[in-house]
C-alpha atoms as a PDB file:
ATOM      1  CA  MET A   1       0.000   0.000   0.000  1.00  0.00           C
ATOM      2  CA  ASN A   2       1.236   3.471  -0.938  1.00  0.00           C
ATOM      3  CA  ASP A   3       2.555   5.574   2.019  1.00  0.00           C
ATOM      4  CA  THR A   4      -0.056   8.310   1.564  1.00  0.00           C
ATOM      5  CA  ARG A   5      -2.863   5.765   1.320  1.00  0.00           C
ATOM      6  CA  LYS A   6      -1.579   4.055   4.458  1.00  0.00           C
ATOM      7  CA  ARG A   7      -1.459   7.388   6.344  1.00  0.00           C
ATOM      8  CA  ILE A   8      -5.023   8.166   5.283  1.00  0.00           C
ATOM      9  CA  SER A   9      -6.252   4.704   6.286  1.00  0.00           C
ATOM     10  CA  GLU A  10      -4.571   4.920   9.696  1.00  0.00           C
ATOM     11  CA  HIS A  11      -5.944   8.432  10.252  1.00  0.00           C
ATOM     12  CA  VAL A  12      -9.507   7.311   9.521  1.00  0.00           C
ATOM     13  CA  ARG A  13      -9.117   4.269  11.777  1.00  0.00           C
ATOM     14  CA  SER A  14      -7.898   6.550  14.603  1.00  0.00           C
ATOM     15  CA  ASN A  15     -10.561   9.203  13.939  1.00  0.00           C
ATOM     16  CA  PRO A  16     -13.782   7.398  13.004  1.00  0.00           C
ATOM     17  CA  GLY A  17     -16.251   9.660  11.239  1.00  0.00           C
ATOM     18  CA  VAL A  18     -13.633  12.198  10.178  1.00  0.00           C
ATOM     19  CA  HIS A  19     -14.869  14.138   7.178  1.00  0.00           C
ATOM     20  CA  PHE A  20     -13.035  14.678   3.924  1.00  0.00           C
ATOM     21  CA  SER A  21     -11.853  18.227   4.684  1.00  0.00           C
ATOM     22  CA  GLY A  22     -10.531  17.048   8.035  1.00  0.00           C
ATOM     23  CA  ILE A  23      -8.413  14.394   6.348  1.00  0.00           C
ATOM     24  CA  VAL A  24      -6.993  16.908   3.873  1.00  0.00           C
ATOM     25  CA  ARG A  25      -6.250  19.422   6.620  1.00  0.00           C
ATOM     26  CA  ASP A  26      -4.984  17.003   9.288  1.00  0.00           C
ATOM     27  CA  LEU A  27      -2.643  15.121   6.942  1.00  0.00           C
ATOM     28  CA  ASP A  28      -1.694  18.104   4.767  1.00  0.00           C
ATOM     29  CA  VAL A  29      -2.433  16.263   1.529  1.00  0.00           C
ATOM     30  CA  ALA A  30      -3.721  17.779  -1.692  1.00  0.00           C
ATOM     31  CA  THR A  31      -7.463  17.501  -2.295  1.00  0.00           C
ATOM     32  CA  GLY A  32      -7.060  15.468  -5.492  1.00  0.00           C
ATOM     33  CA  GLN A  33      -4.573  13.158  -3.821  1.00  0.00           C
ATOM     34  CA  ALA A  34      -6.929  12.560  -0.903  1.00  0.00           C
ATOM     35  CA  GLN A  35      -9.846  11.919  -3.293  1.00  0.00           C
ATOM     36  CA  TYR A  36      -7.812   9.397  -5.268  1.00  0.00           C
ATOM     37  CA  HIS A  37      -6.597   7.438  -2.254  1.00  0.00           C
ATOM     38  CA  LEU A  38      -9.937   7.529  -0.424  1.00  0.00           C
ATOM     39  CA  ARG A  39     -11.705   6.262  -3.544  1.00  0.00           C
ATOM     40  CA  ARG A  40      -9.212   3.374  -3.757  1.00  0.00           C
ATOM     41  CA  LEU A  41      -9.580   2.578  -0.038  1.00  0.00           C
ATOM     42  CA  VAL A  42     -13.397   2.574  -0.241  1.00  0.00           C
ATOM     43  CA  ARG A  43     -13.474   0.490  -3.452  1.00  0.00           C
ATOM     44  CA  GLY A  44     -11.014  -1.969  -1.924  1.00  0.00           C
ATOM     45  CA  GLY A  45     -13.204  -2.407   1.157  1.00  0.00           C
ATOM     46  CA  ASP A  46     -10.603  -0.963   3.548  1.00  0.00           C
ATOM     47  CA  LEU A  47     -12.842   2.006   4.455  1.00  0.00           C
ATOM     48  CA  ASP A  48     -16.524   2.969   4.257  1.00  0.00           C
ATOM     49  CA  SER A  49     -17.885   6.412   3.517  1.00  0.00           C
ATOM     50  CA  GLU A  50     -21.210   8.083   4.137  1.00  0.00           C
ATOM     51  CA  SER A  51     -22.512  11.558   3.376  1.00  0.00           C
ATOM     52  CA  LEU A  52     -24.422  13.336   6.117  1.00  0.00           C
ATOM     53  CA  LEU A  53     -25.519  16.973   6.186  1.00  0.00           C
ATOM     54  CA  GLY A  54     -23.284  17.990   3.308  1.00  0.00           C
ATOM     55  CA  ARG A  55     -20.104  16.259   4.466  1.00  0.00           C
ATOM     56  CA  THR A  56     -18.616  12.921   3.486  1.00  0.00           C
ATOM     57  CA  HIS A  57     -17.354  11.002   6.510  1.00  0.00           C
ATOM     58  CA  TYR A  58     -15.022   7.995   6.544  1.00  0.00           C
ATOM     59  CA  TYR A  59     -14.964   4.905   8.785  1.00  0.00           C
ATOM     60  CA  ARG A  60     -13.554   1.436   9.268  1.00  0.00           C
ATOM     61  CA  PRO A  61     -15.894  -1.082   7.620  1.00  0.00           C
ATOM     62  CA  THR A  62     -16.758  -2.552  11.041  1.00  0.00           C
ATOM     63  CA  TYR A  63     -19.202   0.261  11.888  1.00  0.00           C
ATOM     64  CA  ASP A  64     -22.876  -0.275  11.058  1.00  0.00           C
ATOM     65  CA  ALA A  65     -25.106   2.435   9.558  1.00  0.00           C
ATOM     66  CA  TRP A  66     -26.388   3.662  12.950  1.00  0.00           C
ATOM     67  CA  GLU A  67     -22.850   3.927  14.331  1.00  0.00           C
ATOM     68  CA  ARG A  68     -21.642   5.802  11.239  1.00  0.00           C
ATOM     69  CA  ARG A  69     -24.400   8.416  11.567  1.00  0.00           C
ATOM     70  CA  ALA A  70     -23.808   8.701  15.319  1.00  0.00           C
ATOM     71  CA  LEU A  71     -20.060   9.176  14.893  1.00  0.00           C
ATOM     72  CA  ALA A  72     -20.558  11.859  12.242  1.00  0.00           C
ATOM     73  CA  LEU A  73     -22.986  13.787  14.461  1.00  0.00           C
ATOM     74  CA  LEU A  74     -20.797  13.367  17.547  1.00  0.00           C
ATOM     75  CA  ARG A  75     -18.092  15.275  15.665  1.00  0.00           C
ATOM     76  CA  ARG A  76     -20.342  18.348  15.823  1.00  0.00           C
ATOM     77  CA  GLU A  77     -19.757  20.101  19.129  1.00  0.00           C
ATOM     78  CA  THR A  78     -23.365  21.150  19.726  1.00  0.00           C
ATOM     79  CA  SER A  79     -24.789  17.722  18.872  1.00  0.00           C
ATOM     80  CA  ARG A  80     -22.168  16.168  21.126  1.00  0.00           C
ATOM     81  CA  GLU A  81     -23.151  18.461  24.026  1.00  0.00           C
ATOM     82  CA  ILE A  82     -26.860  17.754  23.505  1.00  0.00           C
ATOM     83  CA  ILE A  83     -26.174  14.021  23.577  1.00  0.00           C
ATOM     84  CA  ALA A  84     -24.023  14.405  26.695  1.00  0.00           C
ATOM     85  CA  LEU A  85     -26.978  16.153  28.425  1.00  0.00           C
ATOM     86  CA  GLY A  86     -29.243  13.294  27.358  1.00  0.00           C
ATOM     87  CA  LEU A  87     -26.814  10.756  28.791  1.00  0.00           C
ATOM     88  CA  ARG A  88     -26.774  12.504  32.185  1.00  0.00           C
ATOM     89  CA  GLU A  89     -30.569  12.566  32.526  1.00  0.00           C
ATOM     90  CA  ASP A  90     -33.277  10.203  31.310  1.00  0.00           C
ATOM     91  CA  THR A  91     -35.349  12.977  29.736  1.00  0.00           C
ATOM     92  CA  VAL A  92     -34.207  16.510  28.918  1.00  0.00           C
ATOM     93  CA  LEU A  93     -36.408  19.445  27.965  1.00  0.00           C
ATOM     94  CA  ALA A  94     -35.228  21.303  24.870  1.00  0.00           C
ATOM     95  CA  THR A  95     -35.496  24.556  26.851  1.00  0.00           C
ATOM     96  CA  GLU A  96     -33.042  23.123  29.404  1.00  0.00           C
ATOM     97  CA  ALA A  97     -30.605  22.247  26.616  1.00  0.00           C
ATOM     98  CA  THR A  98     -30.921  25.765  25.223  1.00  0.00           C
ATOM     99  CA  ALA A  99     -30.119  27.282  28.626  1.00  0.00           C
ATOM    100  CA  ASP A 100     -27.377  24.802  29.596  1.00  0.00           C
ATOM    101  CA  LEU A 101     -25.569  25.117  26.274  1.00  0.00           C
ATOM    102  CA  ASP A 102     -26.245  28.841  25.851  1.00  0.00           C
ATOM    103  CA  VAL A 103     -27.427  28.392  22.273  1.00  0.00           C
ATOM    104  CA  ALA A 104     -30.464  29.588  20.356  1.00  0.00           C
ATOM    105  CA  ARG A 105     -33.651  27.505  20.399  1.00  0.00           C
ATOM    106  CA  SER A 106     -33.384  27.103  16.636  1.00  0.00           C
ATOM    107  CA  THR A 107     -29.900  25.608  17.030  1.00  0.00           C
ATOM    108  CA  VAL A 108     -31.107  23.025  19.544  1.00  0.00           C
ATOM    109  CA  ALA A 109     -34.130  22.231  17.350  1.00  0.00           C
ATOM    110  CA  TRP A 110     -31.929  21.753  14.267  1.00  0.00           C
ATOM    111  CA  HIS A 111     -29.530  19.423  16.084  1.00  0.00           C
ATOM    112  CA  LEU A 112     -32.363  17.478  17.729  1.00  0.00           C
ATOM    113  CA  SER A 113     -34.008  17.023  14.340  1.00  0.00           C
ATOM    114  CA  ASN A 114     -30.780  15.618  12.871  1.00  0.00           C
ATOM    115  CA  LEU A 115     -30.176  13.406  15.911  1.00  0.00           C
ATOM    116  CA  GLU A 116     -33.726  12.074  15.726  1.00  0.00           C
ATOM    117  CA  ASP A 117     -33.466  11.419  11.977  1.00  0.00           C
ATOM    118  CA  ALA A 118     -30.308   9.407  12.704  1.00  0.00           C
ATOM    119  CA  GLY A 119     -32.097   7.377  15.401  1.00  0.00           C
ATOM    120  CA  ILE A 120     -29.893   8.638  18.238  1.00  0.00           C
ATOM    121  CA  VAL A 121     -32.566  10.494  20.199  1.00  0.00           C
ATOM    122  CA  GLU A 122     -36.331  10.387  20.391  1.00  0.00           C
ATOM    123  CA  THR A 123     -38.296  13.555  20.939  1.00  0.00           C
ATOM    124  CA  HIS A 124     -41.726  13.914  22.475  1.00  0.00           C
ATOM    125  CA  TYR A 125     -43.807  16.553  24.202  1.00  0.00           C
ATOM    126  CA  ALA A 126     -43.599  16.547  27.981  1.00  0.00           C
ATOM    127  CA  ASP A 127     -45.579  18.548  30.565  1.00  0.00           C
ATOM    128  CA  HIS A 128     -47.328  21.611  29.230  1.00  0.00           C
ATOM    129  CA  GLY A 129     -46.456  20.691  25.639  1.00  0.00           C
ATOM    130  CA  ARG A 130     -42.723  21.365  25.964  1.00  0.00           C
ATOM    131  CA  LEU A 131     -40.357  19.509  23.639  1.00  0.00           C
ATOM    132  CA  ALA A 132     -38.234  16.875  25.385  1.00  0.00           C
ATOM    133  CA  PHE A 133     -35.756  14.246  24.231  1.00  0.00           C
ATOM    134  CA  GLU A 134     -33.974  11.135  25.386  1.00  0.00           C
ATOM    135  CA  VAL A 135     -31.062   9.119  24.037  1.00  0.00           C
ATOM    136  CA  VAL A 136     -32.301   5.917  22.393  1.00  0.00           C
ATOM    137  CA  GLU A 137     -29.292   3.646  23.029  1.00  0.00           C
ATOM    138  CA  PRO A 138     -27.362   5.219  25.910  1.00  0.00           C
ATOM    139  CA  ASP A 139     -24.740   2.478  26.383  1.00  0.00           C
ATOM    140  CA  ARG A 140     -23.893   2.263  22.719  1.00  0.00           C
ATOM    141  CA  THR A 141     -23.847   6.054  22.420  1.00  0.00           C
ATOM    142  CA  ARG A 142     -21.518   6.417  25.434  1.00  0.00           C
ATOM    143  CA  GLU A 143     -19.098   3.993  23.821  1.00  0.00           C
ATOM    144  CA  LEU A 144     -19.037   5.981  20.580  1.00  0.00           C
ATOM    145  CA  LEU A 145     -18.753   9.269  22.454  1.00  0.00           C
ATOM    146  CA  GLY A 146     -15.430   8.056  23.816  1.00  0.00           C
ATOM    147  CA  ALA A 147     -14.157   7.336  20.299  1.00  0.00           C
ATOM    148  CA  VAL A 148     -14.697  10.854  18.932  1.00  0.00           C
ATOM    149  CA  SER A 149     -13.078  14.165  19.711  1.00  0.00           C
ATOM    150  CA  PRO A 150     -14.074  17.083  17.497  1.00  0.00           C
ATOM    151  CA  THR A 151     -11.080  18.839  15.980  1.00  0.00           C
ATOM    152  CA  LEU A 152     -10.357  22.468  16.720  1.00  0.00           C
ATOM    153  CA  TYR A 153     -11.617  23.332  13.231  1.00  0.00           C
ATOM    154  CA  GLU A 154     -14.931  21.512  13.840  1.00  0.00           C
ATOM    155  CA  GLN A 155     -15.311  23.326  17.166  1.00  0.00           C
ATOM    156  CA  LEU A 156     -14.645  26.704  15.550  1.00  0.00           C
ATOM    157  CA  VAL A 157     -17.221  26.050  12.813  1.00  0.00           C
ATOM    158  CA  ASP A 158     -19.820  25.119  15.457  1.00  0.00           C
ATOM    159  CA  ARG A 159     -19.031  28.213  17.505  1.00  0.00           C
ATOM    160  CA  PHE A 160     -19.328  30.414  14.426  1.00  0.00           C
ATOM    161  CA  ASP A 161     -22.752  28.834  13.753  1.00  0.00           C
ATOM    162  CA  ARG A 162     -23.760  29.680  17.328  1.00  0.00           C
ATOM    163  CA  LEU A 163     -22.713  33.321  16.883  1.00  0.00           C
ATOM    164  CA  VAL A 164     -24.708  33.597  13.672  1.00  0.00           C
ATOM    165  CA  ASP A 165     -27.766  32.000  15.338  1.00  0.00           C
ATOM    166  CA  ARG A 166     -27.589  34.449  18.233  1.00  0.00           C
ATOM    167  CA  ALA A 167     -27.289  37.395  15.866  1.00  0.00           C
ATOM    168  CA  LEU A 168     -30.270  36.196  13.820  1.00  0.00           C
ATOM    169  CA  ASP A 169     -32.354  35.508  16.924  1.00  0.00           C
ATOM    170  CA  GLY A 170     -31.574  38.978  18.241  1.00  0.00           C
ATOM    171  CA  GLU A 171     -29.894  37.751  21.418  1.00  0.00           C
END
């Protein structure tokens, strides 16, 4: 196996759910070079890829579809924090998440919608019609949470999104 391809494969195995731009940035490889080697690794069965919310993420082939979606979303700081809240309590009100995370309601709603679509949380209406959520598979989710650390770049993108949300919500 080519040295660059080996570096990419090892990076994905160490950083499950890393997206394409992260691979290019973290390994300082040219975009075309990364595309070529990733395509070869996926075709050869060494890696799997999945697109979610406009980003292509890469994984070892041992992860199932639910785990791949969970890992991709856990790389987003706000989704990760929402899930962490859900793992600390059985049921969390969306308003509590908004206050605890100091983010706009629309941000929490967007992340909850994506997490629910991926089968990671379930939402329902609790007392007085307030939106609440709970983590569907807490043990499995905790295990994956330990495997993912968002990069500084991913954290900065999430924080920029938060600033924009606050400005649009007039906070």
